[in-house]
Protein backbone atom coordinates (compact mmCIF):
# COMPACT_ATOMS: atom_id res chain seq x y z
CA UNK A 1 -74.96 -22.49 6.63
CA UNK A 2 -72.71 -22.48 3.90
CA UNK A 3 -68.92 -23.13 3.65
CA UNK A 4 -66.49 -20.65 2.06
CA UNK A 5 -63.35 -22.28 0.96
CA UNK A 6 -60.02 -20.05 0.92
CA UNK A 7 -56.92 -22.04 0.21
CA UNK A 8 -56.15 -24.09 3.01
CA UNK A 9 -58.87 -23.00 5.36
CA UNK A 10 -62.68 -22.78 5.31
CA UNK A 11 -65.15 -20.74 7.00
CA UNK A 12 -68.72 -21.72 7.97
CA UNK A 13 -71.26 -18.66 7.62
CA UNK A 14 -74.72 -18.66 8.87
CA UNK A 15 -77.07 -17.86 5.98
CA UNK A 16 -79.57 -15.86 7.95
CA UNK A 17 -77.41 -13.79 9.96
CA UNK A 18 -74.27 -13.91 7.75
CA UNK A 19 -72.10 -14.21 10.86
CA UNK A 20 -69.14 -16.53 11.02
CA UNK A 21 -69.67 -19.73 12.89
CA UNK A 22 -66.10 -20.95 13.05
CA UNK A 23 -62.87 -20.14 11.50
CA UNK A 24 -60.27 -23.12 11.72
CA UNK A 25 -56.87 -22.29 11.34
CA UNK A 26 -54.58 -23.77 8.87
CA UNK A 27 -52.98 -26.14 11.33
CA UNK A 28 -56.50 -27.62 12.28
CA UNK A 29 -57.14 -27.87 8.77
CA UNK A 30 -54.05 -29.77 8.02
CA UNK A 31 -54.66 -32.16 10.84
CA UNK A 32 -58.31 -32.86 9.64
CA UNK A 33 -57.03 -33.54 6.29
CA UNK A 34 -54.28 -35.94 7.60
CA UNK A 35 -56.96 -37.75 9.60
CA UNK A 36 -59.09 -37.84 6.48
CA UNK A 37 -56.21 -39.20 4.19
CA UNK A 38 -55.62 -41.95 6.94
CA UNK A 39 -59.24 -42.87 6.91
CA UNK A 40 -59.24 -43.22 3.22
CA UNK A 41 -55.94 -45.27 3.09
CA UNK A 42 -57.65 -47.68 5.40
CA UNK A 43 -60.24 -48.40 2.77
CA UNK A 44 -58.53 -49.40 -0.53
CA UNK A 45 -61.72 -49.87 -2.48
CA UNK A 46 -62.10 -45.99 -2.54
CA UNK A 47 -58.79 -45.48 -4.41
CA UNK A 48 -57.18 -48.77 -5.51
CA UNK A 49 -58.20 -49.59 -9.22
CA UNK A 50 -56.24 -53.01 -9.23
CA UNK A 51 -58.87 -54.66 -6.70
CA UNK A 52 -61.62 -56.72 -8.60
CA UNK A 53 -64.96 -55.01 -9.51
CA UNK A 54 -66.80 -57.14 -6.87
CA UNK A 55 -64.58 -55.44 -4.07
CA UNK A 56 -65.31 -51.96 -5.22
CA UNK A 57 -68.98 -51.75 -6.24
CA UNK A 58 -70.57 -48.34 -5.86
CA UNK A 59 -72.73 -49.75 -3.06
CA UNK A 60 -69.52 -50.88 -1.35
CA UNK A 61 -67.88 -47.53 -1.79
CA UNK A 62 -70.95 -45.64 -0.69
CA UNK A 63 -70.93 -47.63 2.40
CA UNK A 64 -67.18 -47.04 2.98
CA UNK A 65 -67.78 -43.08 2.62
CA UNK A 66 -70.69 -43.31 5.20
CA UNK A 67 -68.11 -44.99 7.80
CA UNK A 68 -65.91 -42.07 7.02
CA UNK A 69 -68.77 -39.63 7.46
CA UNK A 70 -69.66 -41.33 10.60
CA UNK A 71 -66.06 -41.21 11.74
CA UNK A 72 -66.15 -37.46 11.58
CA UNK A 73 -69.49 -37.33 13.44
CA UNK A 74 -71.57 -36.34 10.73
CA UNK A 75 -70.15 -32.75 10.34
CA UNK A 76 -69.21 -33.29 6.76
CA UNK A 77 -71.50 -34.76 4.23
CA UNK A 78 -70.41 -37.67 2.17
CA UNK A 79 -70.49 -35.37 -1.11
CA UNK A 80 -68.08 -33.00 0.60
CA UNK A 81 -65.78 -35.84 1.71
CA UNK A 82 -65.80 -37.34 -1.97
CA UNK A 83 -65.00 -33.63 -3.45
CA UNK A 84 -62.23 -33.35 -0.81
CA UNK A 85 -60.80 -36.64 -1.59
CA UNK A 86 -60.87 -35.79 -5.40
CA UNK A 87 -59.03 -32.53 -4.69
CA UNK A 88 -56.47 -34.05 -2.51
CA UNK A 89 -55.71 -36.69 -5.00
CA UNK A 90 -55.42 -34.34 -7.94
CA UNK A 91 -53.16 -32.12 -6.10
CA UNK A 92 -50.87 -35.28 -5.30
CA UNK A 93 -50.80 -36.47 -8.78
CA UNK A 94 -49.95 -32.84 -10.14
CA UNK A 95 -47.01 -32.70 -7.24
CA UNK A 96 -45.90 -36.16 -8.40
CA UNK A 97 -45.86 -35.23 -12.10
CA UNK A 98 -43.80 -32.24 -11.31
CA UNK A 99 -41.25 -34.21 -9.33
CA UNK A 100 -41.01 -36.90 -12.00
CA UNK A 101 -40.81 -35.04 -15.08
CA UNK A 102 -37.97 -35.38 -17.32
CA UNK A 103 -34.56 -34.35 -16.09
CA UNK A 104 -31.60 -34.14 -18.45
CA UNK A 105 -28.59 -35.90 -17.30
CA UNK A 106 -25.13 -34.61 -16.69
CA UNK A 107 -23.70 -32.37 -14.03
CA UNK A 108 -25.63 -29.15 -15.38
CA UNK A 109 -29.17 -30.72 -14.63
CA UNK A 110 -31.03 -29.24 -11.73
CA UNK A 111 -31.72 -31.11 -8.66
CA UNK A 112 -35.23 -32.60 -7.95
CA UNK A 113 -37.94 -29.93 -7.36
CA UNK A 114 -39.79 -29.68 -4.12
CA UNK A 115 -43.45 -31.35 -4.51
CA UNK A 116 -45.19 -28.24 -3.29
CA UNK A 117 -47.87 -30.09 -1.60
CA UNK A 118 -48.00 -30.51 2.04
CA UNK A 119 -49.53 -34.10 2.22
CA UNK A 120 -47.18 -35.50 -0.58
CA UNK A 121 -45.43 -38.04 1.74
CA UNK A 122 -48.69 -39.03 3.45
CA UNK A 123 -50.24 -39.85 0.08
CA UNK A 124 -47.49 -41.83 -1.34
CA UNK A 125 -49.55 -45.07 -0.78
CA UNK A 126 -51.35 -43.93 -4.12
CA UNK A 127 -48.38 -44.69 -6.16
CA UNK A 128 -49.14 -48.35 -6.66
CA UNK A 129 -52.80 -47.70 -7.32
CA UNK A 130 -52.45 -44.90 -9.85
CA UNK A 131 -50.80 -46.82 -12.52
CA UNK A 132 -53.87 -46.61 -14.68
CA UNK A 133 -53.29 -42.99 -15.23
CA UNK A 134 -49.64 -43.25 -16.55
């Protein structure tokens, strides 16, 4: 089997027969992503660089990714989970940059732009831990 990603959804395809195994809707994908974000949020060593190094060693982080892997029933590999987290985190940081960019003062200034990322509010917990990139 292999996975094809198309924007907000993915398709699992059988390599031998080339038939579609599953085609989750965007809504199902979004709820999966929300659950995934909450699982990561409950495990600060995966994203919080302010924690001491002893609390976020590679072995501890790998154990936390394995916990998330087990919570999803082993359906998604830890490599895919890490890649998905990196993608979601990068999307959040880009949206945050777009919202917080310089705005001129005065009455002619434009209103704050929309973040354009569906999980923007859900991922606000990264604001405190992402200071190293600013």
